[in-house]
Protein backbone atom coordinates (compact mmCIF):
# COMPACT_ATOMS: atom_id res chain seq x y z
CA MET A 1 7.17 0.89 -27.26
CA LEU A 2 9.50 0.51 -30.60
CA SER A 3 6.31 -1.04 -32.19
CA LEU A 4 4.57 1.76 -30.95
CA ALA A 5 7.24 4.46 -32.03
CA THR A 6 7.39 2.23 -36.08
CA LYS A 7 3.36 1.47 -36.54
CA ASP A 8 0.98 4.23 -34.37
CA TRP A 9 3.69 6.94 -34.22
CA GLU A 10 5.91 6.16 -37.20
CA LEU A 11 8.90 7.86 -35.65
CA ARG A 12 11.42 4.50 -37.49
CA ASP A 13 11.57 2.85 -40.21
CA SER A 14 11.74 -0.32 -38.45
CA ASN A 15 11.33 -1.70 -35.20
CA PRO A 16 14.63 -3.69 -33.75
CA ALA A 17 13.74 -5.72 -31.09
CA LEU A 18 11.64 -7.40 -33.31
CA GLY A 19 12.59 -11.27 -33.24
CA VAL A 20 14.52 -10.44 -29.89
CA GLN A 21 13.67 -13.68 -27.19
CA LEU A 22 13.13 -12.82 -23.80
CA PHE A 23 14.80 -13.69 -20.61
CA ARG A 24 12.36 -15.88 -18.92
CA GLU A 25 11.75 -14.69 -15.27
CA THR A 26 10.84 -17.02 -12.23
CA ARG A 27 8.23 -15.61 -10.03
CA ARG A 28 9.54 -14.78 -6.38
CA GLU A 29 7.92 -14.01 -3.21
CA ARG A 30 9.51 -12.22 -0.07
CA PHE A 31 8.27 -11.22 2.78
CA ALA A 32 9.48 -9.11 4.91
CA SER A 33 11.69 -10.50 8.19
CA ASP A 34 11.02 -9.32 11.42
CA ALA A 35 14.68 -7.17 11.56
CA ASP A 36 13.14 -5.57 8.41
CA LEU A 37 9.63 -4.60 9.81
CA SER A 38 12.37 -3.50 13.46
CA LYS A 39 14.60 -1.31 11.04
CA ILE A 40 11.44 -0.07 8.80
CA GLY A 41 9.58 1.20 12.69
CA ARG A 42 12.33 2.69 13.96
CA TRP A 43 12.79 4.54 10.45
CA LEU A 44 9.42 6.28 10.86
CA LYS A 45 9.64 6.62 14.49
CA ASP A 46 13.39 8.81 13.94
CA GLY A 47 11.35 10.59 11.11
CA GLU A 48 8.53 11.54 12.74
CA LYS A 49 10.53 13.05 15.73
CA ALA A 50 12.64 14.84 12.91
CA GLY A 51 9.31 15.45 11.59
CA THR A 52 10.89 14.32 7.75
CA VAL A 53 7.96 11.71 7.95
CA HIS A 54 4.39 12.84 7.03
CA PRO A 55 2.48 11.59 9.18
CA GLY A 56 -0.30 9.95 6.63
CA PHE A 57 2.48 7.79 4.75
CA ALA A 58 4.03 6.78 8.18
CA LEU A 59 0.53 5.57 8.96
CA ALA A 60 -0.25 3.68 5.47
CA VAL A 61 2.45 1.96 5.79
CA ARG A 62 2.26 1.07 9.32
CA LEU A 63 -1.08 -0.32 7.93
CA LEU A 64 0.61 -2.28 5.05
CA ALA A 65 2.45 -3.96 7.98
CA LEU A 66 -0.08 -4.92 10.26
CA THR A 67 -3.31 -6.01 7.05
CA GLY A 68 -1.25 -6.79 4.63
CA MET A 69 -3.57 -4.77 2.64
CA ARG A 70 -2.90 -3.47 -0.99
CA LEU A 71 -1.32 -0.07 -0.57
CA GLY A 72 -4.45 1.05 -3.02
CA GLU A 73 -6.64 -0.41 -0.61
CA VAL A 74 -4.87 1.67 2.77
CA LEU A 75 -4.65 4.79 0.67
CA ARG A 76 -8.74 5.03 -0.35
CA LEU A 77 -9.52 3.04 3.18
CA GLU A 78 -12.98 5.09 4.96
CA TRP A 79 -13.51 5.13 8.13
CA ASN A 80 -17.21 3.55 7.79
CA ALA A 81 -15.41 0.36 6.45
CA VAL A 82 -13.56 0.20 9.52
CA ASP A 83 -15.23 -1.75 12.06
CA ILE A 84 -13.31 -1.50 15.76
CA PRO A 85 -15.77 -3.34 17.47
CA ALA A 86 -15.84 -6.26 15.96
CA GLY A 87 -11.89 -5.73 14.98
CA ALA A 88 -12.59 -5.61 10.63
CA VAL A 89 -12.02 -3.60 7.56
CA ARG A 90 -14.93 -4.49 5.33
CA LEU A 91 -13.37 -3.60 1.43
CA GLY A 92 -16.53 -3.32 -0.56
CA ASP A 93 -14.82 -2.87 -3.19
CA ALA A 94 -11.15 -4.52 -3.38
CA LYS A 95 -9.29 -5.91 -6.24
CA ALA A 96 -10.59 -9.15 -5.55
CA GLY A 97 -13.83 -8.63 -4.54
CA ALA A 98 -15.45 -7.72 -1.39
CA ARG A 99 -13.51 -9.13 1.16
CA VAL A 100 -12.99 -8.78 5.35
CA VAL A 101 -9.58 -8.32 6.55
CA ALA A 102 -9.23 -9.13 10.46
CA LEU A 103 -7.36 -6.35 12.59
CA GLY A 104 -4.90 -7.78 14.78
CA ALA A 105 -4.85 -5.59 18.84
CA PRO A 106 -1.32 -3.68 16.75
CA ALA A 107 -3.27 -2.15 13.90
CA LEU A 108 -6.40 -1.78 16.20
CA ALA A 109 -4.31 0.29 18.41
CA LEU A 110 -3.27 2.07 15.64
CA LEU A 111 -6.87 3.05 14.14
CA VAL A 112 -8.41 3.87 17.75
CA ALA A 113 -5.25 6.40 17.99
CA GLN A 114 -5.89 7.44 14.72
CA ARG A 115 -9.74 7.78 15.27
CA ASP A 116 -8.96 9.76 18.39
CA ALA A 117 -6.62 12.38 16.49
CA MET A 118 -8.18 13.10 13.77
CA PRO A 119 -12.32 12.47 14.43
CA ALA A 120 -13.65 14.72 11.91
CA THR A 121 -11.78 13.13 8.80
CA ARG A 122 -13.68 10.44 6.06
CA TYR A 123 -10.32 8.55 4.73
CA VAL A 124 -8.26 7.13 7.53
CA VAL A 125 -5.01 8.08 5.79
CA PRO A 126 -4.80 11.69 5.40
CA SER A 127 -3.42 13.09 1.97
């Protein structure tokens, strides 16, 4: 940003960050524990009862947890990509290319309930 401010935008005479060595970061991977998922589930359920959590948000969070799909994949998921009899979601335009996501029983039940609740929508997750 300081390089842009100095060279392109001419907002500064010099870049004070030149020569500063960046800290080397180690790659970390963390998965939600059963306790984490339980807390999230309780929070969503309580929020839905109180009307403080948007139903689309709750559905998206549950699909993320149950399928391992990326956020963008869940938010842009259309019903024509969901194959309930086969228990799969067929993503034609995923980040890493086309792929099939297998659906377990909880994810299938969630999708069937959503389909029955909102049968005339294009997208699985309402806006």
